[in-house]
Amino acid sequence: MAKTWKILFPLLLILSLTCVATVQVKAQQQYPYINSEILPPQGGANTTITIRFTTTNTSVASVETADIFWDNNTIVLNQPGAEGADGSYNYNITVPNESPLSDVGNHTIRVDSTVAPYGAISFLFTFNITEFIPSPEYLALNDTYYSLLANYTNILGNYTQLSSSYGELSANYTTLLAEHNNDTLDYNTLISQYNALISNYNSLSASYNLLSNLTTTYSSMSSTYANLQANFQTLSANYTTLAQDYNLLNSSYTGLLSNYNGLVGQLDFSRNLNYALIIITIALALITVYYVYFKPKKPTKTR
């Protein structure tokens, strides 16, 4: 029993020391026979940081490769260390050029490695950023951003101006279209009146050919002529109105010039036709007057 206790006691002592060492390693994250330091402990955002590991006992392996994290953000994985003349292993890192990793203040650097006989180990360092100095890439990117922002502002201003011009042009087009529609209605009214005039003229011609009594025919012709004259006057007034509307339309929108030329041609045709009708009517009136007042009457036969 005493022999067994002599064997178990050293084993229990070794296990206790191992547990105490493990607890101490996890709590302080420092390991016997491994010296670690950060150079410098503070600086600007562009400062190159060196983390140095030195092994003071040959029974402990060197920190030859490491995973490095900055505020729990990965900087590099499985990075080989640069061996110095004194046997140390050095790792050079730079501050990440992005906020908040590069903000002024304290930042945590964690170095993970696997070292015999400890196995997986971690070291924590604190680096204090005293000022932020942007990198040349950041400055170039910032200049490009503001240049693009200025171009965007100019383009936005041009777009706003073009949008305003488009709105004004659209309003003018709507007004011009309304005037064009009114002129079209006036033109259709004029055509309707012209057709009525042609109908009256045809009725007058038929009545003249059918009536045998010259006096009755003259009276009917006079009445029809009066109506014809009234219609002509209405047609002339409508023509004047149409001409005024056309002149207004021509000054508002020159694009309707081709429609204007067609309308003038039709109006000229109507005017010439009216003139022809007037001449024919006057000729008929003269013929009637001649037959009524100047043509000698046939002698009456006496039995």
Protein backbone atom coordinates (compact mmCIF):
# COMPACT_ATOMS: atom_id res chain seq x y z
CA MET A 1 0.00 0.00 0.00
CA ALA A 2 2.86 2.36 0.90
CA LYS A 3 4.63 1.45 -2.34
CA THR A 4 1.53 2.18 -4.33
CA TRP A 5 1.16 5.57 -2.66
CA LYS A 6 4.79 6.39 -3.44
CA ILE A 7 4.01 5.74 -7.10
CA LEU A 8 0.70 7.62 -7.22
CA PHE A 9 1.93 10.69 -5.32
CA PRO A 10 4.44 11.80 -7.98
CA LEU A 11 1.84 11.18 -10.68
CA LEU A 12 -0.76 13.29 -8.84
CA LEU A 13 1.84 16.02 -8.30
CA ILE A 14 2.69 16.08 -12.02
CA LEU A 15 -1.01 16.22 -12.98
CA SER A 16 -1.62 19.06 -10.50
CA LEU A 17 1.31 21.07 -11.86
CA THR A 18 0.05 20.47 -15.41
CA CYS A 19 -3.45 21.70 -14.52
CA VAL A 20 -2.06 24.75 -12.74
CA ALA A 21 0.18 25.54 -15.73
CA THR A 22 -2.73 25.11 -18.13
CA VAL A 23 -4.98 27.38 -16.09
CA GLN A 24 -2.22 29.96 -15.84
CA VAL A 25 -1.59 29.84 -19.63
CA LYS A 26 -5.25 30.34 -20.49
CA ALA A 27 -5.68 33.08 -17.94
CA GLN A 28 -2.56 35.13 -18.75
CA GLN A 29 -1.94 33.91 -22.30
CA GLN A 30 1.79 33.84 -21.54
CA TYR A 31 3.98 30.81 -21.82
CA PRO A 32 7.19 29.88 -19.93
CA TYR A 33 10.37 30.14 -22.00
CA ILE A 34 8.63 32.15 -24.77
CA ASN A 35 9.23 35.89 -24.72
CA SER A 36 6.94 38.05 -26.86
CA GLU A 37 6.87 41.79 -27.54
CA ILE A 38 5.33 44.29 -29.92
CA LEU A 39 7.37 47.08 -31.47
CA PRO A 40 6.28 49.85 -31.33
CA PRO A 41 3.28 49.67 -29.01
CA GLN A 42 1.71 52.76 -30.57
CA GLY A 43 1.86 54.85 -33.73
CA GLY A 44 -0.10 56.08 -36.72
CA ALA A 45 -2.36 54.16 -39.03
CA ASN A 46 0.51 53.62 -41.49
CA THR A 47 3.02 52.40 -38.90
CA THR A 48 4.63 49.00 -39.58
CA ILE A 49 4.21 46.82 -36.49
CA THR A 50 6.71 44.08 -35.59
CA ILE A 51 5.75 41.20 -33.26
CA ARG A 52 8.77 39.33 -31.95
CA PHE A 53 8.93 35.85 -30.36
CA THR A 54 12.05 34.46 -28.66
CA THR A 55 12.43 30.94 -27.18
CA THR A 56 14.72 30.78 -24.13
CA ASN A 57 14.70 27.01 -23.66
CA THR A 58 15.59 24.38 -26.22
CA SER A 59 12.83 22.11 -24.93
CA VAL A 60 10.25 24.59 -26.28
CA ALA A 61 9.82 25.04 -30.03
CA SER A 62 9.88 28.46 -31.69
CA VAL A 63 6.83 30.30 -32.95
CA GLU A 64 7.69 29.67 -36.61
CA THR A 65 4.20 30.12 -38.17
CA ALA A 66 1.21 32.05 -36.91
CA ASP A 67 -2.34 33.21 -37.63
CA ILE A 68 -2.68 36.93 -36.91
CA PHE A 69 -5.97 38.72 -36.15
CA TRP A 70 -6.69 42.44 -35.68
CA ASP A 71 -9.74 43.10 -33.50
CA ASN A 72 -10.90 39.53 -34.37
CA ASN A 73 -10.52 40.28 -38.11
CA THR A 74 -8.15 38.04 -40.01
CA ILE A 75 -4.89 39.70 -41.09
CA VAL A 76 -2.98 36.62 -42.27
CA LEU A 77 -3.19 32.83 -41.82
CA ASN A 78 -0.31 30.36 -41.51
CA GLN A 79 2.25 33.16 -41.96
CA PRO A 80 5.91 32.03 -41.65
CA GLY A 81 7.94 34.20 -39.32
CA ALA A 82 11.16 35.90 -40.40
CA GLU A 83 14.04 34.47 -38.36
CA GLY A 84 16.34 37.10 -36.87
CA ALA A 85 20.06 36.89 -36.13
CA ASP A 86 19.32 36.28 -32.47
CA GLY A 87 17.06 33.28 -33.24
CA SER A 88 13.84 35.22 -32.79
CA TYR A 89 10.87 34.96 -35.18
CA ASN A 90 9.43 38.26 -36.31
CA TYR A 91 6.07 39.10 -37.94
CA ASN A 92 5.49 42.45 -39.63
CA ILE A 93 1.92 43.70 -40.05
CA THR A 94 0.25 47.00 -40.97
CA VAL A 95 -2.91 48.60 -39.67
CA PRO A 96 -5.98 47.68 -41.81
CA ASN A 97 -6.91 50.76 -43.82
CA GLU A 98 -10.63 50.76 -43.02
CA SER A 99 -12.83 52.09 -40.26
CA PRO A 100 -13.25 51.19 -37.42
CA LEU A 101 -10.12 48.99 -37.58
CA SER A 102 -7.96 52.07 -38.23
CA ASP A 103 -9.72 54.41 -35.79
CA VAL A 104 -7.70 56.25 -33.18
CA GLY A 105 -7.46 54.29 -29.90
CA ASN A 106 -6.45 50.85 -28.60
CA HIS A 107 -6.75 47.78 -30.82
CA THR A 108 -6.21 44.11 -29.94
CA ILE A 109 -3.83 41.92 -31.91
CA ARG A 110 -4.13 38.15 -31.43
CA VAL A 111 -1.46 35.73 -32.62
CA ASP A 112 -2.36 32.02 -32.78
CA SER A 113 0.23 29.32 -33.32
CA THR A 114 1.06 25.69 -32.50
CA VAL A 115 4.21 25.20 -30.45
CA ALA A 116 5.51 22.04 -28.84
CA PRO A 117 5.05 21.03 -26.09
CA TYR A 118 2.16 23.48 -25.45
CA GLY A 119 0.15 22.75 -28.57
CA ALA A 120 -2.24 25.51 -29.69
CA ILE A 121 -1.32 28.83 -28.03
CA SER A 122 -2.46 32.45 -28.32
CA PHE A 123 -0.80 35.79 -27.56
CA LEU A 124 -2.63 39.07 -27.09
CA PHE A 125 -1.06 42.47 -27.77
CA THR A 126 -2.42 46.01 -27.61
CA PHE A 127 -1.53 48.64 -30.21
CA ASN A 128 -2.59 52.24 -29.69
CA ILE A 129 -3.30 54.28 -32.86
CA THR A 130 -2.48 57.90 -32.00
CA GLU A 131 -3.40 59.41 -35.39
CA PHE A 132 -4.96 58.37 -38.68
CA ILE A 133 -2.92 59.05 -41.82
CA PRO A 134 -4.69 57.78 -44.96
CA SER A 135 -2.69 55.67 -47.38
CA PRO A 136 -1.96 56.97 -50.93
CA GLU A 137 -4.48 54.45 -52.28
CA TYR A 138 -7.13 55.82 -49.92
CA LEU A 139 -6.33 59.41 -50.91
CA ALA A 140 -6.50 58.53 -54.63
CA LEU A 141 -9.79 56.70 -54.09
CA ASN A 142 -11.14 59.65 -52.09
CA ASP A 143 -10.18 62.08 -54.88
CA THR A 144 -11.84 59.81 -57.44
CA TYR A 145 -14.98 59.68 -55.29
CA TYR A 146 -15.27 63.46 -55.04
CA SER A 147 -14.54 63.83 -58.76
CA LEU A 148 -17.34 61.39 -59.56
CA LEU A 149 -19.58 63.19 -57.07
CA ALA A 150 -18.91 66.51 -58.85
CA ASN A 151 -19.64 64.91 -62.23
CA TYR A 152 -22.85 63.44 -60.80
CA THR A 153 -23.87 66.87 -59.49
CA ASN A 154 -23.26 68.44 -62.92
CA ILE A 155 -25.19 65.66 -64.66
CA LEU A 156 -28.03 66.03 -62.16
CA GLY A 157 -28.13 69.79 -62.82
CA ASN A 158 -28.22 69.22 -66.57
CA TYR A 159 -30.96 66.65 -66.14
CA THR A 160 -33.02 69.06 -64.03
CA GLN A 161 -32.60 71.81 -66.63
CA LEU A 162 -33.53 69.47 -69.47
CA SER A 163 -36.53 68.23 -67.49
CA SER A 164 -37.71 71.82 -66.99
CA SER A 165 -37.23 72.59 -70.69
CA TYR A 166 -39.11 69.46 -71.61
CA GLY A 167 -42.02 70.45 -69.37
CA GLU A 168 -42.18 73.91 -70.97
CA LEU A 169 -41.98 72.41 -74.46
CA SER A 170 -44.70 69.91 -73.60
CA ALA A 171 -46.98 72.73 -72.38
CA ASN A 172 -46.36 74.71 -75.58
CA TYR A 173 -47.09 71.64 -77.67
CA THR A 174 -50.37 71.07 -75.80
CA THR A 175 -51.42 74.68 -76.40
CA LEU A 176 -50.46 74.48 -80.06
CA LEU A 177 -52.34 71.20 -80.46
CA ALA A 178 -55.48 72.74 -78.94
CA GLU A 179 -55.26 75.66 -81.37
CA HIS A 180 -54.77 73.26 -84.25
CA ASN A 181 -57.86 71.30 -83.20
CA ASN A 182 -59.89 74.53 -83.08
CA ASP A 183 -58.71 75.46 -86.57
CA THR A 184 -59.62 71.99 -87.76
CA LEU A 185 -63.15 72.45 -86.39
CA ASP A 186 -63.42 75.82 -88.13
CA TYR A 187 -62.19 74.29 -91.36
CA ASN A 188 -64.75 71.48 -91.13
CA THR A 189 -67.47 74.07 -90.52
CA LEU A 190 -66.32 75.97 -93.59
CA ILE A 191 -66.44 72.81 -95.68
CA SER A 192 -69.96 72.11 -94.43
CA GLN A 193 -71.07 75.60 -95.38
CA TYR A 194 -69.40 75.29 -98.75
CA ASN A 195 -71.27 72.03 -99.38
CA ALA A 196 -74.50 73.78 -98.40
CA LEU A 197 -73.68 76.52 -100.90
CA ILE A 198 -73.12 73.95 -103.65
CA SER A 199 -76.44 72.32 -102.74
CA ASN A 200 -78.22 75.68 -102.93
CA TYR A 201 -76.62 76.39 -106.26
CA ASN A 202 -77.72 73.02 -107.64
CA SER A 203 -81.22 73.64 -106.35
CA LEU A 204 -81.21 77.05 -108.05
CA SER A 205 -80.08 75.56 -111.33
CA ALA A 206 -82.74 72.84 -111.21
CA SER A 207 -85.43 75.35 -110.40
CA TYR A 208 -84.35 77.55 -113.28
CA ASN A 209 -84.47 74.69 -115.76
CA LEU A 210 -87.85 73.42 -114.57
CA LEU A 211 -89.84 76.61 -114.15
CA SER A 212 -91.61 77.82 -117.26
CA ASN A 213 -92.85 81.06 -115.89
CA LEU A 214 -89.99 83.53 -116.15
CA THR A 215 -91.37 85.86 -113.48
CA THR A 216 -91.78 83.06 -110.96
CA THR A 217 -88.36 81.83 -111.90
CA TYR A 218 -86.87 85.30 -111.40
CA SER A 219 -88.47 85.68 -107.98
CA SER A 220 -87.21 82.27 -106.91
CA MET A 221 -83.82 83.09 -108.34
CA SER A 222 -83.74 86.37 -106.44
CA SER A 223 -84.61 84.62 -103.21
CA THR A 224 -82.02 81.93 -103.86
CA TYR A 225 -79.48 84.59 -104.76
CA ALA A 226 -80.15 86.40 -101.51
CA ASN A 227 -79.58 83.17 -99.64
CA LEU A 228 -76.50 82.56 -101.73
CA GLN A 229 -75.18 86.03 -100.94
CA ALA A 230 -75.84 85.53 -97.22
CA ASN A 231 -74.07 82.20 -97.33
CA PHE A 232 -71.21 83.79 -99.21
CA GLN A 233 -70.91 86.51 -96.60
CA THR A 234 -70.93 83.87 -93.86
CA LEU A 235 -68.35 81.96 -95.84
CA SER A 236 -66.22 85.10 -96.19
CA ALA A 237 -66.45 85.78 -92.45
CA ASN A 238 -65.53 82.19 -91.65
CA TYR A 239 -62.71 82.41 -94.15
CA THR A 240 -61.41 85.56 -92.41
CA THR A 241 -61.61 83.82 -89.03
CA LEU A 242 -59.87 80.78 -90.41
CA ALA A 243 -57.14 82.99 -91.92
CA GLN A 244 -56.58 84.69 -88.54
CA ASP A 245 -56.46 81.34 -86.74
CA TYR A 246 -54.12 80.07 -89.39
CA ASN A 247 -51.79 83.06 -88.98
CA LEU A 248 -51.78 82.51 -85.20
CA LEU A 249 -51.08 78.83 -85.71
CA ASN A 250 -48.31 79.64 -88.19
CA SER A 251 -46.60 81.99 -85.67
CA SER A 252 -46.89 79.46 -82.82
CA TYR A 253 -45.60 76.38 -84.53
CA THR A 254 -43.76 76.48 -87.85
CA GLY A 255 -43.98 72.71 -88.14
CA LEU A 256 -47.56 73.06 -89.45
CA LEU A 257 -46.35 74.85 -92.59
CA SER A 258 -47.10 71.92 -94.84
CA ASN A 259 -50.68 71.68 -93.51
CA TYR A 260 -51.02 75.43 -93.98
CA ASN A 261 -50.01 75.18 -97.68
CA GLY A 262 -52.62 72.46 -98.23
CA LEU A 263 -55.26 74.56 -96.43
CA VAL A 264 -54.41 77.65 -98.52
CA GLY A 265 -54.76 75.58 -101.69
CA GLN A 266 -58.18 74.41 -100.63
CA LEU A 267 -59.24 77.93 -99.65
CA ASP A 268 -58.05 79.31 -102.99
CA PHE A 269 -60.06 76.62 -104.74
CA SER A 270 -63.13 77.57 -102.68
CA ARG A 271 -62.63 81.28 -103.40
CA ASN A 272 -62.21 80.72 -107.14
CA LEU A 273 -65.27 78.52 -107.17
CA ASN A 274 -67.22 81.19 -105.32
CA TYR A 275 -66.06 83.80 -107.78
CA ALA A 276 -67.17 81.55 -110.62
CA LEU A 277 -70.54 81.08 -108.94
CA ILE A 278 -70.90 84.82 -108.46
CA ILE A 279 -70.05 85.47 -112.11
CA ILE A 280 -72.53 82.82 -113.21
CA THR A 281 -75.16 84.29 -110.90
CA ILE A 282 -74.53 87.81 -112.21
CA ALA A 283 -74.72 86.51 -115.76
CA LEU A 284 -77.99 84.82 -114.98
CA ALA A 285 -79.29 88.02 -113.39
CA LEU A 286 -78.28 90.01 -116.46
CA ILE A 287 -79.97 87.50 -118.71
CA THR A 288 -83.10 87.71 -116.60
CA VAL A 289 -83.10 91.50 -116.69
CA TYR A 290 -82.61 91.38 -120.40
CA TYR A 291 -85.53 89.06 -120.90
CA VAL A 292 -87.73 91.04 -118.59
CA TYR A 293 -86.95 94.61 -119.67
CA PHE A 294 -85.14 94.68 -122.98
CA LYS A 295 -86.19 91.75 -125.10
CA PRO A 296 -88.89 92.85 -127.55
CA LYS A 297 -92.21 91.18 -127.04
CA LYS A 298 -93.74 89.23 -129.82
CA PRO A 299 -96.65 91.00 -131.50
CA THR A 300 -100.00 89.76 -130.45
CA LYS A 301 -101.94 88.19 -133.25
CA THR A 302 -105.36 89.63 -133.95
CA ARG A 303 -108.09 87.77 -135.61
